[in-house]
Every structure is written in C-alpha cells, then in structure tokens.
Amino acid sequence: TKYDRILIGHPTWWGIPPRIINTVIEKLDLSGKEIATFSTSGGSTYDQAQKVMNELIGSDVKPGRVLSSKKDVENWLRDINFK
C-alpha cells in the first residue's frame, strides 16, 4: 500500500500470462496505483497478454512489452514515462 507505482512481470505462455497471475492480481488492492505490466518470452508478442492485463486491472494499465535485455527495460520505462 505504500507504493504509488507498481510493475507486474510475468512469463508468457501461449501468448498470455499464466493463470497464477490472475489469482495474485485479484488479491491485490491496486486502486489509485500507476501500473505497468511486462513479460519475458522467447517468441510471443505482448498483444494478447495486454488484453488479459487490461481485463484484470483496467484499461489504465500502461502499455506492456516483452522484455529481454536491460536496454529493452530502459527503453520501455522511458516510453511509458515510468521513471
């Protein structure tokens, strides 16, 4: 509750987050938080995962991305203005 910005990372399985992520998010009070989600994946895009996250958290979730390097993380955080 003492954080204003929350990053939620997850693997991507068949284009979407694993079900355990749903369970975790459902138990969190994320109201009033600035939230960004990301995944790690060897071959998927973030399109389907973003839809799942928007349904779970709400449409005000920052655009997510598949991240695989430090440079990817830095660019993404800059792009979503999440410094």
PDB file of N, CA and C in Angstrom:
ATOM      1  N   THR A   1       0.803  -1.204   0.000  1.00  0.00           N
ATOM      2  CA  THR A   1       0.000   0.000   0.000  1.00  0.00           C
ATOM      3  C   THR A   1       0.845   1.268   0.000  1.00  0.00           C
ATOM      4  N   LYS A   2       2.107   1.161   0.337  1.00  0.00           N
ATOM      5  CA  LYS A   2       2.914   2.372   0.390  1.00  0.00           C
ATOM      6  C   LYS A   2       3.563   2.730  -0.947  1.00  0.00           C
ATOM      7  N   TYR A   3       3.296   1.966  -1.995  1.00  0.00           N
ATOM      8  CA  TYR A   3       3.868   2.244  -3.305  1.00  0.00           C
ATOM      9  C   TYR A   3       2.834   2.887  -4.217  1.00  0.00           C
ATOM     10  N   ASP A   4       3.272   3.885  -4.985  1.00  0.00           N
ATOM     11  CA  ASP A   4       2.387   4.553  -5.943  1.00  0.00           C
ATOM     12  C   ASP A   4       2.473   3.930  -7.326  1.00  0.00           C
ATOM     13  N   ARG A   5       3.622   3.354  -7.638  1.00  0.00           N
ATOM     14  CA  ARG A   5       3.851   2.740  -8.947  1.00  0.00           C
ATOM     15  C   ARG A   5       4.174   1.269  -8.764  1.00  0.00           C
ATOM     16  N   ILE A   6       3.506   0.449  -9.564  1.00  0.00           N
ATOM     17  CA  ILE A   6       3.658  -0.998  -9.453  1.00  0.00           C
ATOM     18  C   ILE A   6       4.020  -1.570 -10.825  1.00  0.00           C
ATOM     19  N   LEU A   7       5.073  -2.382 -10.864  1.00  0.00           N
ATOM     20  CA  LEU A   7       5.434  -3.151 -12.058  1.00  0.00           C
ATOM     21  C   LEU A   7       5.048  -4.602 -11.800  1.00  0.00           C
ATOM     22  N   ILE A   8       4.344  -5.187 -12.748  1.00  0.00           N
ATOM     23  CA  ILE A   8       3.958  -6.590 -12.629  1.00  0.00           C
ATOM     24  C   ILE A   8       4.558  -7.327 -13.812  1.00  0.00           C
ATOM     25  N   GLY A   9       5.482  -8.217 -13.515  1.00  0.00           N
ATOM     26  CA  GLY A   9       6.132  -9.010 -14.553  1.00  0.00           C
ATOM     27  C   GLY A   9       5.656 -10.446 -14.515  1.00  0.00           C
ATOM     28  N   HIS A  10       5.664 -11.073 -15.663  1.00  0.00           N
ATOM     29  CA  HIS A  10       5.191 -12.458 -15.759  1.00  0.00           C
ATOM     30  C   HIS A  10       5.771 -13.119 -16.990  1.00  0.00           C
ATOM     31  N   PRO A  11       5.846 -14.454 -16.971  1.00  0.00           N
ATOM     32  CA  PRO A  11       6.189 -15.155 -18.211  1.00  0.00           C
ATOM     33  C   PRO A  11       4.979 -15.127 -19.143  1.00  0.00           C
ATOM     34  N   THR A  12       5.192 -15.442 -20.373  1.00  0.00           N
ATOM     35  CA  THR A  12       4.089 -15.554 -21.323  1.00  0.00           C
ATOM     36  C   THR A  12       4.001 -17.002 -21.783  1.00  0.00           C
ATOM     37  N   TRP A  13       2.828 -17.584 -21.588  1.00  0.00           N
ATOM     38  CA  TRP A  13       2.586 -18.962 -22.007  1.00  0.00           C
ATOM     39  C   TRP A  13       1.484 -18.946 -23.047  1.00  0.00           C
ATOM     40  N   TRP A  14       1.809 -19.359 -24.256  1.00  0.00           N
ATOM     41  CA  TRP A  14       0.843 -19.385 -25.359  1.00  0.00           C
ATOM     42  C   TRP A  14       0.197 -18.010 -25.554  1.00  0.00           C
ATOM     43  N   GLY A  15       0.998 -16.959 -25.411  1.00  0.00           N
ATOM     44  CA  GLY A  15       0.538 -15.610 -25.692  1.00  0.00           C
ATOM     45  C   GLY A  15      -0.086 -14.867 -24.521  1.00  0.00           C
ATOM     46  N   ILE A  16      -0.339 -15.566 -23.404  1.00  0.00           N
ATOM     47  CA  ILE A  16      -0.994 -14.923 -22.260  1.00  0.00           C
ATOM     48  C   ILE A  16      -0.233 -15.226 -20.959  1.00  0.00           C
ATOM     49  N   PRO A  17      -0.502 -14.444 -19.901  1.00  0.00           N
ATOM     50  CA  PRO A  17       0.118 -14.740 -18.608  1.00  0.00           C
ATOM     51  C   PRO A  17      -0.425 -16.044 -18.035  1.00  0.00           C
ATOM     52  N   PRO A  18       0.372 -16.750 -17.235  1.00  0.00           N
ATOM     53  CA  PRO A  18      -0.154 -17.952 -16.584  1.00  0.00           C
ATOM     54  C   PRO A  18      -1.268 -17.586 -15.604  1.00  0.00           C
ATOM     55  N   ARG A  19      -2.162 -18.502 -15.363  1.00  0.00           N
ATOM     56  CA  ARG A  19      -3.337 -18.263 -14.517  1.00  0.00           C
ATOM     57  C   ARG A  19      -2.994 -17.762 -13.113  1.00  0.00           C
ATOM     58  N   ILE A  20      -1.851 -18.152 -12.586  1.00  0.00           N
ATOM     59  CA  ILE A  20      -1.493 -17.724 -11.231  1.00  0.00           C
ATOM     60  C   ILE A  20      -1.413 -16.202 -11.144  1.00  0.00           C
ATOM     61  N   ILE A  21      -1.083 -15.537 -12.230  1.00  0.00           N
ATOM     62  CA  ILE A  21      -1.028 -14.066 -12.243  1.00  0.00           C
ATOM     63  C   ILE A  21      -2.426 -13.506 -11.980  1.00  0.00           C
ATOM     64  N   ASN A  22      -3.446 -14.111 -12.567  1.00  0.00           N
ATOM     65  CA  ASN A  22      -4.831 -13.686 -12.309  1.00  0.00           C
ATOM     66  C   ASN A  22      -5.139 -13.759 -10.819  1.00  0.00           C
ATOM     67  N   THR A  23      -4.771 -14.864 -10.203  1.00  0.00           N
ATOM     68  CA  THR A  23      -5.043 -15.069  -8.787  1.00  0.00           C
ATOM     69  C   THR A  23      -4.344 -14.014  -7.932  1.00  0.00           C
ATOM     70  N   VAL A  24      -3.093 -13.736  -8.236  1.00  0.00           N
ATOM     71  CA  VAL A  24      -2.333 -12.742  -7.474  1.00  0.00           C
ATOM     72  C   VAL A  24      -2.956 -11.362  -7.634  1.00  0.00           C
ATOM     73  N   ILE A  25      -3.243 -10.955  -8.867  1.00  0.00           N
ATOM     74  CA  ILE A  25      -3.788  -9.623  -9.123  1.00  0.00           C
ATOM     75  C   ILE A  25      -5.157  -9.457  -8.460  1.00  0.00           C
ATOM     76  N   GLU A  26      -5.980 -10.491  -8.497  1.00  0.00           N
ATOM     77  CA  GLU A  26      -7.303 -10.414  -7.881  1.00  0.00           C
ATOM     78  C   GLU A  26      -7.235 -10.162  -6.375  1.00  0.00           C
ATOM     79  N   LYS A  27      -6.133 -10.541  -5.746  1.00  0.00           N
ATOM     80  CA  LYS A  27      -5.990 -10.369  -4.302  1.00  0.00           C
ATOM     81  C   LYS A  27      -5.355  -9.028  -3.925  1.00  0.00           C
ATOM     82  N   LEU A  28      -4.872  -8.276  -4.906  1.00  0.00           N
ATOM     83  CA  LEU A  28      -4.212  -7.001  -4.630  1.00  0.00           C
ATOM     84  C   LEU A  28      -5.183  -5.834  -4.726  1.00  0.00           C
ATOM     85  N   ASP A  29      -4.994  -4.847  -3.880  1.00  0.00           N
ATOM     86  CA  ASP A  29      -5.734  -3.593  -3.997  1.00  0.00           C
ATOM     87  C   ASP A  29      -4.863  -2.633  -4.795  1.00  0.00           C
ATOM     88  N   LEU A  30      -5.163  -2.487  -6.055  1.00  0.00           N
ATOM     89  CA  LEU A  30      -4.366  -1.645  -6.948  1.00  0.00           C
ATOM     90  C   LEU A  30      -5.026  -0.301  -7.225  1.00  0.00           C
ATOM     91  N   SER A  31      -6.066   0.006  -6.496  1.00  0.00           N
ATOM     92  CA  SER A  31      -6.762   1.269  -6.728  1.00  0.00           C
ATOM     93  C   SER A  31      -5.842   2.450  -6.433  1.00  0.00           C
ATOM     94  N   GLY A  32      -5.867   3.420  -7.337  1.00  0.00           N
ATOM     95  CA  GLY A  32      -5.059   4.610  -7.186  1.00  0.00           C
ATOM     96  C   GLY A  32      -3.586   4.426  -7.506  1.00  0.00           C
ATOM     97  N   LYS A  33      -3.207   3.261  -7.998  1.00  0.00           N
ATOM     98  CA  LYS A  33      -1.811   2.977  -8.325  1.00  0.00           C
ATOM     99  C   LYS A  33      -1.562   3.175  -9.812  1.00  0.00           C
ATOM    100  N   GLU A  34      -0.349   3.564 -10.142  1.00  0.00           N
ATOM    101  CA  GLU A  34       0.089   3.618 -11.534  1.00  0.00           C
ATOM    102  C   GLU A  34       0.730   2.265 -11.817  1.00  0.00           C
ATOM    103  N   ILE A  35       0.185   1.542 -12.797  1.00  0.00           N
ATOM    104  CA  ILE A  35       0.586   0.156 -13.018  1.00  0.00           C
ATOM    105  C   ILE A  35       1.092  -0.054 -14.432  1.00  0.00           C
ATOM    106  N   ALA A  36       2.185  -0.807 -14.519  1.00  0.00           N
ATOM    107  CA  ALA A  36       2.724  -1.224 -15.812  1.00  0.00           C
ATOM    108  C   ALA A  36       3.020  -2.714 -15.721  1.00  0.00           C
ATOM    109  N   THR A  37       2.750  -3.417 -16.797  1.00  0.00           N
ATOM    110  CA  THR A  37       2.991  -4.858 -16.829  1.00  0.00           C
ATOM    111  C   THR A  37       3.940  -5.192 -17.965  1.00  0.00           C
ATOM    112  N   PHE A  38       4.674  -6.283 -17.785  1.00  0.00           N
ATOM    113  CA  PHE A  38       5.616  -6.724 -18.810  1.00  0.00           C
ATOM    114  C   PHE A  38       5.755  -8.232 -18.730  1.00  0.00           C
ATOM    115  N   SER A  39       6.358  -8.790 -19.748  1.00  0.00           N
ATOM    116  CA  SER A  39       6.590 -10.227 -19.724  1.00  0.00           C
ATOM    117  C   SER A  39       7.966 -10.557 -20.264  1.00  0.00           C
ATOM    118  N   THR A  40       8.323 -11.797 -20.028  1.00  0.00           N
ATOM    119  CA  THR A  40       9.503 -12.384 -20.636  1.00  0.00           C
ATOM    120  C   THR A  40       8.985 -13.495 -21.541  1.00  0.00           C
ATOM    121  N   SER A  41       9.525 -13.587 -22.713  1.00  0.00           N
ATOM    122  CA  SER A  41       9.056 -14.604 -23.652  1.00  0.00           C
ATOM    123  C   SER A  41      10.086 -14.796 -24.741  1.00  0.00           C
ATOM    124  N   GLY A  42      10.189 -16.019 -25.204  1.00  0.00           N
ATOM    125  CA  GLY A  42      11.113 -16.298 -26.290  1.00  0.00           C
ATOM    126  C   GLY A  42      10.508 -16.120 -27.662  1.00  0.00           C
ATOM    127  N   GLY A  43       9.177 -15.977 -27.754  1.00  0.00           N
ATOM    128  CA  GLY A  43       8.615 -15.908 -29.082  1.00  0.00           C
ATOM    129  C   GLY A  43       7.264 -15.238 -29.210  1.00  0.00           C
ATOM    130  N   SER A  44       6.688 -14.790 -28.123  1.00  0.00           N
ATOM    131  CA  SER A  44       5.364 -14.169 -28.195  1.00  0.00           C
ATOM    132  C   SER A  44       5.468 -12.657 -28.204  1.00  0.00           C
ATOM    133  N   THR A  45       4.423 -12.023 -28.712  1.00  0.00           N
ATOM    134  CA  THR A  45       4.299 -10.571 -28.581  1.00  0.00           C
ATOM    135  C   THR A  45       3.514 -10.300 -27.307  1.00  0.00           C
ATOM    136  N   TYR A  46       3.267  -9.031 -27.000  1.00  0.00           N
ATOM    137  CA  TYR A  46       2.549  -8.707 -25.775  1.00  0.00           C
ATOM    138  C   TYR A  46       1.073  -8.400 -26.021  1.00  0.00           C
ATOM    139  N   ASP A  47       0.611  -8.495 -27.243  1.00  0.00           N
ATOM    140  CA  ASP A  47      -0.765  -8.115 -27.586  1.00  0.00           C
ATOM    141  C   ASP A  47      -1.820  -8.846 -26.755  1.00  0.00           C
ATOM    142  N   GLN A  48      -1.797 -10.151 -26.750  1.00  0.00           N
ATOM    143  CA  GLN A  48      -2.800 -10.923 -26.009  1.00  0.00           C
ATOM    144  C   GLN A  48      -2.644 -10.736 -24.506  1.00  0.00           C
ATOM    145  N   ALA A  49      -1.406 -10.702 -24.034  1.00  0.00           N
ATOM    146  CA  ALA A  49      -1.163 -10.504 -22.605  1.00  0.00           C
ATOM    147  C   ALA A  49      -1.691  -9.142 -22.154  1.00  0.00           C
ATOM    148  N   GLN A  50      -1.535  -8.124 -22.990  1.00  0.00           N
ATOM    149  CA  GLN A  50      -2.029  -6.793 -22.640  1.00  0.00           C
ATOM    150  C   GLN A  50      -3.549  -6.813 -22.481  1.00  0.00           C
ATOM    151  N   LYS A  51      -4.230  -7.528 -23.356  1.00  0.00           N
ATOM    152  CA  LYS A  51      -5.689  -7.635 -23.249  1.00  0.00           C
ATOM    153  C   LYS A  51      -6.092  -8.280 -21.925  1.00  0.00           C
ATOM    154  N   VAL A  52      -5.375  -9.331 -21.534  1.00  0.00           N
ATOM    155  CA  VAL A  52      -5.663 -10.004 -20.265  1.00  0.00           C
ATOM    156  C   VAL A  52      -5.427  -9.047 -19.102  1.00  0.00           C
ATOM    157  N   MET A  53      -4.312  -8.346 -19.129  1.00  0.00           N
ATOM    158  CA  MET A  53      -3.995  -7.409 -18.043  1.00  0.00           C
ATOM    159  C   MET A  53      -5.013  -6.273 -17.965  1.00  0.00           C
ATOM    160  N   ASN A  54      -5.436  -5.776 -19.106  1.00  0.00           N
ATOM    161  CA  ASN A  54      -6.456  -4.720 -19.110  1.00  0.00           C
ATOM    162  C   ASN A  54      -7.762  -5.221 -18.499  1.00  0.00           C
ATOM    163  N   GLU A  55      -8.133  -6.464 -18.789  1.00  0.00           N
ATOM    164  CA  GLU A  55      -9.350  -7.040 -18.218  1.00  0.00           C
ATOM    165  C   GLU A  55      -9.217  -7.225 -16.706  1.00  0.00           C
ATOM    166  N   LEU A  56      -8.049  -7.637 -16.252  1.00  0.00           N
ATOM    167  CA  LEU A  56      -7.838  -7.875 -14.830  1.00  0.00           C
ATOM    168  C   LEU A  56      -7.701  -6.591 -14.018  1.00  0.00           C
ATOM    169  N   ILE A  57      -6.965  -5.638 -14.564  1.00  0.00           N
ATOM    170  CA  ILE A  57      -6.599  -4.448 -13.798  1.00  0.00           C
ATOM    171  C   ILE A  57      -7.407  -3.231 -14.205  1.00  0.00           C
ATOM    172  N   GLY A  58      -7.692  -3.115 -15.487  1.00  0.00           N
ATOM    173  CA  GLY A  58      -8.390  -1.947 -16.007  1.00  0.00           C
ATOM    174  C   GLY A  58      -7.628  -1.373 -17.185  1.00  0.00           C
ATOM    175  N   SER A  59      -8.300  -0.554 -17.934  1.00  0.00           N
ATOM    176  CA  SER A  59      -7.699  -0.039 -19.169  1.00  0.00           C
ATOM    177  C   SER A  59      -6.644   1.030 -18.924  1.00  0.00           C
ATOM    178  N   ASP A  60      -6.482   1.468 -17.676  1.00  0.00           N
ATOM    179  CA  ASP A  60      -5.480   2.489 -17.403  1.00  0.00           C
ATOM    180  C   ASP A  60      -4.086   1.915 -17.164  1.00  0.00           C
ATOM    181  N   VAL A  61      -3.912   0.622 -17.394  1.00  0.00           N
ATOM    182  CA  VAL A  61      -2.598  -0.005 -17.288  1.00  0.00           C
ATOM    183  C   VAL A  61      -1.718   0.538 -18.408  1.00  0.00           C
ATOM    184  N   LYS A  62      -0.488   0.873 -18.061  1.00  0.00           N
ATOM    185  CA  LYS A  62       0.461   1.353 -19.075  1.00  0.00           C
ATOM    186  C   LYS A  62       0.686   0.256 -20.111  1.00  0.00           C
ATOM    187  N   PRO A  63       0.997   0.635 -21.349  1.00  0.00           N
ATOM    188  CA  PRO A  63       1.258  -0.370 -22.379  1.00  0.00           C
ATOM    189  C   PRO A  63       2.440  -1.264 -22.001  1.00  0.00           C
ATOM    190  N   GLY A  64       2.198  -2.555 -22.032  1.00  0.00           N
ATOM    191  CA  GLY A  64       3.236  -3.516 -21.672  1.00  0.00           C
ATOM    192  C   GLY A  64       4.098  -3.892 -22.853  1.00  0.00           C
ATOM    193  N   ARG A  65       5.100  -4.676 -22.558  1.00  0.00           N
ATOM    194  CA  ARG A  65       6.033  -5.073 -23.604  1.00  0.00           C
ATOM    195  C   ARG A  65       6.750  -6.354 -23.171  1.00  0.00           C
ATOM    196  N   VAL A  66       7.208  -7.120 -24.139  1.00  0.00           N
ATOM    197  CA  VAL A  66       8.083  -8.260 -23.872  1.00  0.00           C
ATOM    198  C   VAL A  66       9.490  -7.696 -23.710  1.00  0.00           C
ATOM    199  N   LEU A  67      10.140  -8.032 -22.606  1.00  0.00           N
ATOM    200  CA  LEU A  67      11.467  -7.505 -22.309  1.00  0.00           C
ATOM    201  C   LEU A  67      12.480  -8.635 -22.238  1.00  0.00           C
ATOM    202  N   SER A  68      13.633  -8.419 -22.862  1.00  0.00           N
ATOM    203  CA  SER A  68      14.641  -9.476 -22.839  1.00  0.00           C
ATOM    204  C   SER A  68      16.049  -8.963 -22.575  1.00  0.00           C
ATOM    205  N   SER A  69      16.202  -7.673 -22.340  1.00  0.00           N
ATOM    206  CA  SER A  69      17.525  -7.127 -22.047  1.00  0.00           C
ATOM    207  C   SER A  69      17.399  -5.864 -21.202  1.00  0.00           C
ATOM    208  N   LYS A  70      18.485  -5.456 -20.617  1.00  0.00           N
ATOM    209  CA  LYS A  70      18.498  -4.233 -19.824  1.00  0.00           C
ATOM    210  C   LYS A  70      18.102  -3.038 -20.683  1.00  0.00           C
ATOM    211  N   LYS A  71      18.577  -3.004 -21.913  1.00  0.00           N
ATOM    212  CA  LYS A  71      18.247  -1.908 -22.831  1.00  0.00           C
ATOM    213  C   LYS A  71      16.746  -1.891 -23.126  1.00  0.00           C
ATOM    214  N   ASP A  72      16.138  -3.064 -23.318  1.00  0.00           N
ATOM    215  CA  ASP A  72      14.681  -3.143 -23.517  1.00  0.00           C
ATOM    216  C   ASP A  72      13.935  -2.528 -22.335  1.00  0.00           C
ATOM    217  N   VAL A  73      14.390  -2.856 -21.134  1.00  0.00           N
ATOM    218  CA  VAL A  73      13.749  -2.336 -19.921  1.00  0.00           C
ATOM    219  C   VAL A  73      13.874  -0.814 -19.870  1.00  0.00           C
ATOM    220  N   GLU A  74      15.076  -0.308 -20.101  1.00  0.00           N
ATOM    221  CA  GLU A  74      15.298   1.133 -20.056  1.00  0.00           C
ATOM    222  C   GLU A  74      14.441   1.864 -21.084  1.00  0.00           C
ATOM    223  N   ASN A  75      14.394   1.349 -22.299  1.00  0.00           N
ATOM    224  CA  ASN A  75      13.597   1.978 -23.361  1.00  0.00           C
ATOM    225  C   ASN A  75      12.108   1.948 -23.026  1.00  0.00           C
ATOM    226  N   TRP A  76      11.631   0.819 -22.534  1.00  0.00           N
ATOM    227  CA  TRP A  76      10.221   0.687 -22.186  1.00  0.00           C
ATOM    228  C   TRP A  76       9.836   1.646 -21.073  1.00  0.00           C
ATOM    229  N   LEU A  77      10.622   1.692 -20.014  1.00  0.00           N
ATOM    230  CA  LEU A  77      10.321   2.598 -18.901  1.00  0.00           C
ATOM    231  C   LEU A  77      10.310   4.054 -19.362  1.00  0.00           C
ATOM    232  N   ARG A  78      11.211   4.392 -20.243  1.00  0.00           N
ATOM    233  CA  ARG A  78      11.229   5.746 -20.803  1.00  0.00           C
ATOM    234  C   ARG A  78       9.988   5.995 -21.663  1.00  0.00           C
ATOM    235  N   ASP A  79       9.635   5.037 -22.504  1.00  0.00           N
ATOM    236  CA  ASP A  79       8.493   5.177 -23.408  1.00  0.00           C
ATOM    237  C   ASP A  79       7.167   5.349 -22.660  1.00  0.00           C
ATOM    238  N   ILE A  80       7.030   4.704 -21.521  1.00  0.00           N
ATOM    239  CA  ILE A  80       5.780   4.810 -20.760  1.00  0.00           C
ATOM    240  C   ILE A  80       5.870   5.882 -19.666  1.00  0.00           C
ATOM    241  N   ASN A  81       6.993   6.596 -19.643  1.00  0.00           N
ATOM    242  CA  ASN A  81       7.200   7.667 -18.660  1.00  0.00           C
ATOM    243  C   ASN A  81       7.051   7.142 -17.232  1.00  0.00           C
ATOM    244  N   PHE A  82       7.745   6.057 -16.977  1.00  0.00           N
ATOM    245  CA  PHE A  82       7.661   5.350 -15.695  1.00  0.00           C
ATOM    246  C   PHE A  82       9.049   5.304 -15.086  1.00  0.00           C
ATOM    247  N   LYS A  83       9.575   6.457 -14.741  1.00  0.00           N
ATOM    248  CA  LYS A  83      10.965   6.547 -14.266  1.00  0.00           C
ATOM    249  C   LYS A  83      11.049   6.432 -12.776  1.00  0.00           C
TER     250      LYS A  83
END
